């Protein structure tokens, strides 16, 4: 059976009319964002990857642990699970004017939970990992060894914490 030209409507396209996408367009489309939970400690805006954050609690009872390190406030009971509580301001050498009251429950690489006592919760941000920068040398008022990366926001600098180093 032979088809007539009118029965099938096909158009021929010239080779020059097919325009490939620019490299920048394909790179941006393939780039994924990272979700960061932000919080404030003094004048610093700090962040932790959202997949590491389990929950945020207000004023949970903390049982002091004698002879523990200065930045360890004690332990807390979270639904039957005993979790160490770290004073993040002391660990990061941040001078705070107020007493932190929030507990940010995070997990480390082995899925063990730990609580960071923080001052104020911020926003949940979507950032481009390609725009992360290394920690600047002239960062003052905070222990730089616990900062993994920095991210430039329109109005300030977001410091991404290295949870594994903080917990060690």
Protein backbone atom coordinates (compact mmCIF):
# COMPACT_ATOMS: atom_id res chain seq x y z
CA UNK A 1 0.00 0.00 0.00
CA UNK A 2 1.39 3.31 -1.04
CA UNK A 3 0.59 6.55 0.88
CA UNK A 4 -0.04 9.77 -0.89
CA UNK A 5 1.85 12.87 0.17
CA UNK A 6 -1.36 14.46 1.53
CA UNK A 7 -2.02 11.51 3.86
CA UNK A 8 1.06 11.99 5.95
CA UNK A 9 1.93 15.48 7.03
CA UNK A 10 5.65 15.56 7.65
CA UNK A 11 7.88 18.54 7.37
CA UNK A 12 11.58 18.38 6.73
CA UNK A 13 13.78 20.41 9.03
CA UNK A 14 17.10 21.77 7.91
CA UNK A 15 20.15 20.81 9.92
CA UNK A 16 20.92 24.47 10.80
CA UNK A 17 17.49 24.98 12.35
CA UNK A 18 18.20 22.54 15.19
CA UNK A 19 19.90 24.67 17.84
CA UNK A 20 21.63 22.89 20.72
CA UNK A 21 21.13 24.34 24.22
CA UNK A 22 23.94 26.42 25.60
CA UNK A 23 26.24 24.79 28.14
CA UNK A 24 25.24 27.21 30.92
CA UNK A 25 21.56 26.35 30.47
CA UNK A 26 22.17 22.62 30.76
CA UNK A 27 24.54 23.07 33.71
CA UNK A 28 22.00 25.13 35.65
CA UNK A 29 19.22 22.69 34.90
CA UNK A 30 21.26 19.74 36.12
CA UNK A 31 22.45 21.52 39.28
CA UNK A 32 20.51 20.49 42.37
CA UNK A 33 19.93 22.63 45.42
CA UNK A 34 20.78 21.78 49.00
CA UNK A 35 18.33 22.48 51.83
CA UNK A 36 19.90 24.19 54.84
CA UNK A 37 18.32 24.81 58.26
CA UNK A 38 19.64 28.15 59.55
CA UNK A 39 19.88 29.53 63.07
CA UNK A 40 21.46 32.45 64.88
CA UNK A 41 24.20 32.45 67.48
CA UNK A 42 25.17 36.01 68.44
CA UNK A 43 25.84 37.95 65.23
CA UNK A 44 26.42 34.79 63.19
CA UNK A 45 23.97 33.05 60.85
CA UNK A 46 24.84 29.35 60.94
CA UNK A 47 23.48 26.47 58.91
CA UNK A 48 23.24 22.69 58.96
CA UNK A 49 22.07 20.49 56.08
CA UNK A 50 18.37 19.73 56.59
CA UNK A 51 18.88 15.97 56.25
CA UNK A 52 20.99 16.10 59.46
CA UNK A 53 18.30 17.89 61.51
CA UNK A 54 15.84 15.64 63.33
CA UNK A 55 13.80 18.21 65.27
CA UNK A 56 13.82 21.48 67.19
CA UNK A 57 12.62 21.63 70.81
CA UNK A 58 12.15 24.37 73.39
CA UNK A 59 13.59 24.18 76.89
CA UNK A 60 14.00 20.47 77.56
CA UNK A 61 15.30 19.41 80.97
CA UNK A 62 19.05 18.85 80.86
CA UNK A 63 20.76 16.66 83.46
CA UNK A 64 24.32 17.88 84.14
CA UNK A 65 27.14 15.35 83.77
CA UNK A 66 29.94 15.80 86.33
CA UNK A 67 33.52 16.05 85.04
CA UNK A 68 32.42 16.52 81.40
CA UNK A 69 34.05 18.93 78.99
CA UNK A 70 33.14 22.62 79.34
CA UNK A 71 30.95 22.69 76.20
CA UNK A 72 28.93 19.61 77.28
CA UNK A 73 25.89 20.88 79.20
CA UNK A 74 24.75 17.37 80.09
CA UNK A 75 22.30 14.83 78.76
CA UNK A 76 18.62 14.92 77.93
CA UNK A 77 15.89 12.32 77.56
CA UNK A 78 14.18 12.42 74.18
CA UNK A 79 11.37 9.86 74.14
CA UNK A 80 13.45 7.32 76.06
CA UNK A 81 16.70 8.00 74.21
CA UNK A 82 19.57 9.61 76.13
CA UNK A 83 21.20 12.37 74.05
CA UNK A 84 24.27 14.49 74.87
CA UNK A 85 23.64 18.26 74.91
CA UNK A 86 26.35 20.58 73.54
CA UNK A 87 26.51 24.32 74.24
CA UNK A 88 27.24 25.37 70.66
CA UNK A 89 28.25 28.90 71.66
CA UNK A 90 31.01 27.58 73.92
CA UNK A 91 32.14 24.97 71.39
CA UNK A 92 32.38 27.61 68.63
CA UNK A 93 33.89 30.26 70.98
CA UNK A 94 31.00 32.69 70.35
CA UNK A 95 30.38 35.37 72.99
CA UNK A 96 26.62 35.44 73.64
CA UNK A 97 24.70 38.09 75.56
CA UNK A 98 21.65 35.85 76.13
CA UNK A 99 21.18 32.28 77.30
CA UNK A 100 20.21 29.95 74.43
CA UNK A 101 16.89 28.17 74.98
CA UNK A 102 16.32 26.03 71.87
CA UNK A 103 17.55 22.49 71.26
CA UNK A 104 18.43 21.57 67.70
CA UNK A 105 18.53 17.77 67.54
CA UNK A 106 20.92 16.58 64.82
CA UNK A 107 22.36 13.24 63.76
CA UNK A 108 25.95 12.42 62.86
CA UNK A 109 27.29 10.00 60.23
CA UNK A 110 26.48 6.96 62.41
CA UNK A 111 22.90 8.23 62.93
CA UNK A 112 23.63 8.96 66.62
CA UNK A 113 21.65 11.91 67.95
CA UNK A 114 23.11 14.95 69.68
CA UNK A 115 21.48 18.20 70.79
CA UNK A 116 22.93 21.66 70.10
CA UNK A 117 21.66 24.45 72.32
CA UNK A 118 21.06 27.44 70.03
CA UNK A 119 19.86 31.01 70.39
CA UNK A 120 17.25 31.48 67.66
CA UNK A 121 16.04 29.46 64.70
CA UNK A 122 16.25 31.08 61.26
CA UNK A 123 14.84 30.02 57.92
CA UNK A 124 15.06 26.93 55.79
CA UNK A 125 17.02 27.90 52.67
CA UNK A 126 17.60 26.28 49.30
CA UNK A 127 21.17 26.97 48.17
CA UNK A 128 23.27 26.00 45.16
CA UNK A 129 26.17 23.77 46.32
CA UNK A 130 28.32 25.10 43.46
CA UNK A 131 28.27 28.55 45.10
CA UNK A 132 29.67 27.32 48.41
CA UNK A 133 33.03 28.87 49.23
CA UNK A 134 35.80 27.88 51.60
CA UNK A 135 36.00 29.58 54.98
CA UNK A 136 37.73 32.99 54.80
CA UNK A 137 40.91 33.47 56.83
CA UNK A 138 39.71 36.72 58.39
CA UNK A 139 36.59 35.34 60.08
CA UNK A 140 36.65 36.64 63.66
CA UNK A 141 34.61 35.86 66.76
CA UNK A 142 34.10 32.17 65.96
CA UNK A 143 36.25 29.01 65.92
CA UNK A 144 36.91 28.59 62.17
CA UNK A 145 37.88 24.92 62.38
CA UNK A 146 34.20 23.99 62.83
CA UNK A 147 33.03 25.86 59.72
CA UNK A 148 32.86 23.62 56.63
CA UNK A 149 31.87 26.23 54.03
CA UNK A 150 30.40 29.70 53.67
CA UNK A 151 27.59 30.84 51.40
CA UNK A 152 27.07 34.46 50.40
CA UNK A 153 23.44 35.53 50.87
CA UNK A 154 22.28 38.93 49.54
CA UNK A 155 22.56 40.58 52.97
CA UNK A 156 24.97 38.43 55.01
CA UNK A 157 27.26 35.42 55.16
CA UNK A 158 25.86 31.96 56.01
CA UNK A 159 28.33 29.70 57.81
CA UNK A 160 27.78 25.98 57.16
CA UNK A 161 28.87 23.92 60.18
CA UNK A 162 30.93 20.73 60.09
CA UNK A 163 28.83 18.57 62.44
CA UNK A 164 31.34 15.71 62.55
CA UNK A 165 34.14 17.98 63.84
CA UNK A 166 31.85 19.58 66.42
CA UNK A 167 30.73 16.23 67.81
CA UNK A 168 34.25 14.68 68.04
